[in-house]
């Protein structure tokens, strides 16, 4: 139970960092990947304590890999088009 509390605290801290990161897309994506990995570890710990099915873990792992691939391809496209990965250069108010 203590380990789940630790992971939940780390998850909340990284979630705060993700929403407060406003300079680089790469740092936001790294924080997002850390959030996904922590959630996978939390699911794995919960499944091991409750003797649950590993199908959910496999599904979440597949979604995490797909999310990482899409994020990397979007990052490369943005860098090719603009030459930088700063978030401030995008005008999101229009």
N, C-alpha and C. Protein backbone atom coordinates (compact mmCIF):
# COMPACT_ATOMS: atom_id res chain seq x y z
N UNK A 1 0.82 -1.20 0.00
CA UNK A 1 0.00 0.00 0.00
C UNK A 1 0.86 1.26 0.00
N UNK A 2 2.00 1.18 0.66
CA UNK A 2 2.90 2.33 0.71
C UNK A 2 3.47 2.63 -0.67
N UNK A 3 3.75 1.57 -1.43
CA UNK A 3 4.32 1.77 -2.75
C UNK A 3 3.30 2.42 -3.69
N UNK A 4 2.03 2.08 -3.55
CA UNK A 4 1.00 2.73 -4.36
C UNK A 4 0.86 4.20 -4.00
N UNK A 5 0.98 4.52 -2.72
CA UNK A 5 0.93 5.92 -2.31
C UNK A 5 2.12 6.68 -2.87
N UNK A 6 3.29 6.06 -2.88
CA UNK A 6 4.47 6.70 -3.45
C UNK A 6 4.28 6.96 -4.94
N UNK A 7 3.78 5.96 -5.67
CA UNK A 7 3.56 6.14 -7.11
C UNK A 7 2.48 7.17 -7.39
N UNK A 8 1.45 7.21 -6.56
CA UNK A 8 0.40 8.21 -6.73
C UNK A 8 0.94 9.61 -6.49
N UNK A 9 1.78 9.77 -5.49
CA UNK A 9 2.39 11.07 -5.22
C UNK A 9 3.30 11.49 -6.37
N UNK A 10 4.09 10.56 -6.86
CA UNK A 10 4.96 10.85 -8.01
C UNK A 10 4.14 11.17 -9.25
N UNK A 11 3.03 10.47 -9.43
CA UNK A 11 2.14 10.72 -10.57
C UNK A 11 1.57 12.13 -10.49
N UNK A 12 1.12 12.55 -9.33
CA UNK A 12 0.55 13.89 -9.17
C UNK A 12 1.60 14.97 -9.39
N UNK A 13 2.82 14.73 -8.91
CA UNK A 13 3.90 15.69 -9.11
C UNK A 13 4.23 15.83 -10.59
N UNK A 14 4.31 14.71 -11.30
CA UNK A 14 4.61 14.77 -12.73
C UNK A 14 3.45 15.37 -13.52
N UNK A 15 2.24 15.16 -13.07
CA UNK A 15 1.08 15.78 -13.71
C UNK A 15 1.14 17.29 -13.56
N UNK A 16 1.54 17.76 -12.39
CA UNK A 16 1.72 19.20 -12.19
C UNK A 16 2.83 19.73 -13.09
N UNK A 17 3.93 19.00 -13.19
CA UNK A 17 5.03 19.42 -14.07
C UNK A 17 4.60 19.45 -15.53
N UNK A 18 3.78 18.50 -15.93
CA UNK A 18 3.33 18.45 -17.32
C UNK A 18 2.50 19.68 -17.66
N UNK A 19 1.59 20.06 -16.78
CA UNK A 19 0.75 21.21 -17.07
C UNK A 19 1.46 22.54 -16.88
N UNK A 20 2.57 22.54 -16.15
CA UNK A 20 3.31 23.79 -15.98
C UNK A 20 4.49 23.92 -16.94
N UNK A 21 4.77 22.88 -17.72
CA UNK A 21 5.88 22.99 -18.68
C UNK A 21 5.39 23.77 -19.90
N UNK A 22 6.01 24.90 -20.13
CA UNK A 22 5.55 25.76 -21.22
C UNK A 22 6.68 26.24 -22.12
N UNK A 23 7.80 25.56 -22.12
CA UNK A 23 8.89 26.02 -22.97
C UNK A 23 9.18 25.08 -24.12
N UNK A 24 9.32 23.81 -23.88
CA UNK A 24 9.72 22.87 -24.93
C UNK A 24 8.74 21.71 -25.03
N UNK A 25 8.48 21.30 -26.25
CA UNK A 25 7.58 20.17 -26.47
C UNK A 25 8.25 18.88 -26.04
N UNK A 26 9.56 18.77 -26.25
CA UNK A 26 10.27 17.54 -25.90
C UNK A 26 10.20 17.25 -24.41
N UNK A 27 10.35 18.28 -23.58
CA UNK A 27 10.26 18.05 -22.13
C UNK A 27 8.85 17.65 -21.72
N UNK A 28 7.84 18.24 -22.37
CA UNK A 28 6.46 17.85 -22.07
C UNK A 28 6.20 16.40 -22.47
N UNK A 29 6.76 15.98 -23.60
CA UNK A 29 6.57 14.59 -24.03
C UNK A 29 7.30 13.62 -23.12
N UNK A 30 8.47 13.99 -22.63
CA UNK A 30 9.18 13.12 -21.69
C UNK A 30 8.43 12.97 -20.38
N UNK A 31 7.84 14.06 -19.91
CA UNK A 31 7.04 13.99 -18.69
C UNK A 31 5.80 13.13 -18.93
N UNK A 32 5.20 13.27 -20.12
CA UNK A 32 4.03 12.46 -20.45
C UNK A 32 4.38 10.98 -20.51
N UNK A 33 5.52 10.65 -21.06
CA UNK A 33 5.95 9.25 -21.09
C UNK A 33 6.23 8.72 -19.68
N UNK A 34 6.76 9.57 -18.81
CA UNK A 34 6.97 9.16 -17.42
C UNK A 34 5.64 8.89 -16.73
N UNK A 35 4.64 9.71 -17.02
CA UNK A 35 3.31 9.48 -16.47
C UNK A 35 2.74 8.15 -16.93
N UNK A 36 2.94 7.83 -18.19
CA UNK A 36 2.43 6.56 -18.72
C UNK A 36 3.15 5.39 -18.06
N UNK A 37 4.46 5.49 -17.90
CA UNK A 37 5.21 4.41 -17.27
C UNK A 37 4.82 4.22 -15.81
N UNK A 38 4.60 5.31 -15.10
CA UNK A 38 4.19 5.20 -13.70
C UNK A 38 2.80 4.58 -13.61
N UNK A 39 1.91 4.96 -14.51
CA UNK A 39 0.58 4.34 -14.48
C UNK A 39 0.65 2.86 -14.82
N UNK A 40 1.55 2.47 -15.72
CA UNK A 40 1.73 1.04 -16.01
C UNK A 40 2.25 0.28 -14.80
N UNK A 41 3.19 0.87 -14.09
CA UNK A 41 3.72 0.21 -12.89
C UNK A 41 2.64 0.12 -11.82
N UNK A 42 1.82 1.16 -11.68
CA UNK A 42 0.74 1.11 -10.70
C UNK A 42 -0.27 0.02 -11.04
N UNK A 43 -0.60 -0.11 -12.31
CA UNK A 43 -1.52 -1.17 -12.73
C UNK A 43 -0.91 -2.54 -12.48
N UNK A 44 0.38 -2.68 -12.76
CA UNK A 44 1.06 -3.95 -12.53
C UNK A 44 1.07 -4.32 -11.05
N UNK A 45 1.31 -3.34 -10.18
CA UNK A 45 1.30 -3.60 -8.74
C UNK A 45 -0.10 -3.98 -8.28
N UNK A 46 -1.11 -3.26 -8.77
CA UNK A 46 -2.48 -3.58 -8.37
C UNK A 46 -2.91 -4.95 -8.89
N UNK A 47 -2.49 -5.31 -10.10
CA UNK A 47 -2.85 -6.62 -10.63
C UNK A 47 -2.14 -7.75 -9.89
N UNK A 48 -0.93 -7.49 -9.43
CA UNK A 48 -0.21 -8.54 -8.71
C UNK A 48 -0.78 -8.76 -7.31
N UNK A 49 -1.33 -7.72 -6.71
CA UNK A 49 -1.91 -7.90 -5.37
C UNK A 49 -3.31 -8.49 -5.43
N UNK A 50 -4.03 -8.28 -6.52
CA UNK A 50 -5.40 -8.79 -6.61
C UNK A 50 -5.53 -10.01 -7.51
N UNK A 51 -4.43 -10.50 -8.02
CA UNK A 51 -4.41 -11.65 -8.93
C UNK A 51 -5.35 -11.43 -10.10
N UNK A 52 -5.23 -10.24 -10.70
CA UNK A 52 -6.07 -9.90 -11.85
C UNK A 52 -5.47 -10.40 -13.15
N UNK A 53 -6.19 -10.16 -14.20
CA UNK A 53 -5.77 -10.60 -15.53
C UNK A 53 -4.72 -9.64 -16.09
N UNK A 54 -3.78 -10.19 -16.82
CA UNK A 54 -2.72 -9.38 -17.42
C UNK A 54 -3.16 -8.79 -18.76
N UNK A 55 -4.40 -9.03 -19.18
CA UNK A 55 -4.88 -8.49 -20.45
C UNK A 55 -4.94 -6.97 -20.41
N UNK A 56 -5.31 -6.42 -19.28
CA UNK A 56 -5.40 -4.97 -19.14
C UNK A 56 -4.01 -4.35 -19.23
N UNK A 57 -3.03 -4.98 -18.60
CA UNK A 57 -1.66 -4.49 -18.67
C UNK A 57 -1.15 -4.51 -20.10
N UNK A 58 -1.44 -5.58 -20.83
CA UNK A 58 -1.02 -5.68 -22.23
C UNK A 58 -1.69 -4.61 -23.08
N UNK A 59 -2.96 -4.35 -22.83
CA UNK A 59 -3.67 -3.31 -23.56
C UNK A 59 -3.07 -1.94 -23.27
N UNK A 60 -2.80 -1.65 -22.01
CA UNK A 60 -2.21 -0.36 -21.65
C UNK A 60 -0.80 -0.21 -22.22
N UNK A 61 -0.04 -1.28 -22.24
CA UNK A 61 1.29 -1.24 -22.82
C UNK A 61 1.23 -0.95 -24.32
N UNK A 62 0.26 -1.55 -25.00
CA UNK A 62 0.09 -1.30 -26.43
C UNK A 62 -0.29 0.16 -26.69
N UNK A 63 -1.19 0.69 -25.88
CA UNK A 63 -1.58 2.09 -26.04
C UNK A 63 -0.42 3.03 -25.73
N UNK A 64 0.41 2.68 -24.77
CA UNK A 64 1.57 3.51 -24.44
C UNK A 64 2.57 3.54 -25.58
N UNK A 65 2.78 2.41 -26.22
CA UNK A 65 3.71 2.37 -27.36
C UNK A 65 3.15 3.18 -28.52
N UNK A 66 1.85 3.06 -28.77
CA UNK A 66 1.24 3.83 -29.85
C UNK A 66 1.30 5.33 -29.57
N UNK A 67 1.08 5.70 -28.32
CA UNK A 67 1.15 7.12 -27.94
C UNK A 67 2.56 7.66 -28.11
N UNK A 68 3.55 6.88 -27.76
CA UNK A 68 4.94 7.32 -27.91
C UNK A 68 5.31 7.47 -29.38
N UNK A 69 4.85 6.57 -30.22
CA UNK A 69 5.16 6.66 -31.64
C UNK A 69 4.50 7.88 -32.28
N UNK A 70 3.25 8.13 -31.94
CA UNK A 70 2.55 9.30 -32.48
C UNK A 70 3.19 10.59 -31.99
N UNK A 71 3.55 10.64 -30.72
CA UNK A 71 4.17 11.84 -30.17
C UNK A 71 5.52 12.11 -30.82
N UNK A 72 6.31 11.08 -31.04
CA UNK A 72 7.60 11.26 -31.68
C UNK A 72 7.45 11.72 -33.12
N UNK A 73 6.50 11.16 -33.84
CA UNK A 73 6.32 11.59 -35.23
C UNK A 73 5.80 13.02 -35.31
N UNK A 74 4.92 13.42 -34.39
CA UNK A 74 4.47 14.81 -34.36
C UNK A 74 5.60 15.76 -34.00
N UNK A 75 6.44 15.36 -33.06
CA UNK A 75 7.58 16.19 -32.69
C UNK A 75 8.53 16.38 -33.86
N UNK A 76 8.82 15.31 -34.57
CA UNK A 76 9.70 15.42 -35.73
C UNK A 76 9.08 16.28 -36.83
N UNK A 77 7.79 16.18 -37.03
CA UNK A 77 7.13 17.02 -38.03
C UNK A 77 7.18 18.49 -37.64
N UNK A 78 6.96 18.78 -36.37
CA UNK A 78 7.01 20.17 -35.90
C UNK A 78 8.42 20.73 -36.05
N UNK A 79 9.42 19.93 -35.71
CA UNK A 79 10.80 20.41 -35.83
C UNK A 79 11.18 20.61 -37.29
N UNK A 80 10.71 19.75 -38.19
CA UNK A 80 10.99 19.92 -39.61
C UNK A 80 10.36 21.19 -40.15
N UNK A 81 9.13 21.46 -39.75
CA UNK A 81 8.41 22.62 -40.28
C UNK A 81 8.95 23.92 -39.70
N UNK A 82 9.12 23.97 -38.39
CA UNK A 82 9.47 25.24 -37.75
C UNK A 82 10.93 25.38 -37.40
N UNK A 83 11.64 24.29 -37.25
CA UNK A 83 13.05 24.35 -36.89
C UNK A 83 13.30 24.43 -35.40
N UNK A 84 12.25 24.42 -34.60
CA UNK A 84 12.39 24.51 -33.15
C UNK A 84 11.24 23.76 -32.50
N UNK A 85 11.44 23.38 -31.23
CA UNK A 85 10.37 22.68 -30.52
C UNK A 85 9.81 23.51 -29.37
N UNK A 86 9.96 24.81 -29.46
CA UNK A 86 9.42 25.66 -28.40
C UNK A 86 7.91 25.79 -28.55
N UNK A 87 7.24 25.84 -27.44
CA UNK A 87 5.78 25.94 -27.43
C UNK A 87 5.34 27.38 -27.65
N UNK A 88 6.14 28.32 -27.28
CA UNK A 88 5.75 29.73 -27.37
C UNK A 88 5.55 30.22 -28.79
N UNK A 89 6.15 29.54 -29.76
CA UNK A 89 6.03 30.00 -31.14
C UNK A 89 4.67 29.68 -31.75
N UNK A 90 3.88 28.81 -31.12
CA UNK A 90 2.57 28.45 -31.64
C UNK A 90 1.53 29.42 -31.11
N UNK A 91 0.70 29.93 -32.00
CA UNK A 91 -0.37 30.82 -31.60
C UNK A 91 -1.63 29.98 -31.43
N UNK A 92 -1.98 29.69 -30.20
CA UNK A 92 -3.12 28.82 -29.92
C UNK A 92 -4.41 29.59 -29.69
N UNK A 93 -4.37 30.91 -29.80
CA UNK A 93 -5.55 31.70 -29.50
C UNK A 93 -6.47 31.86 -30.71
N UNK A 94 -6.06 31.44 -31.88
CA UNK A 94 -6.91 31.61 -33.07
C UNK A 94 -7.81 30.45 -33.29
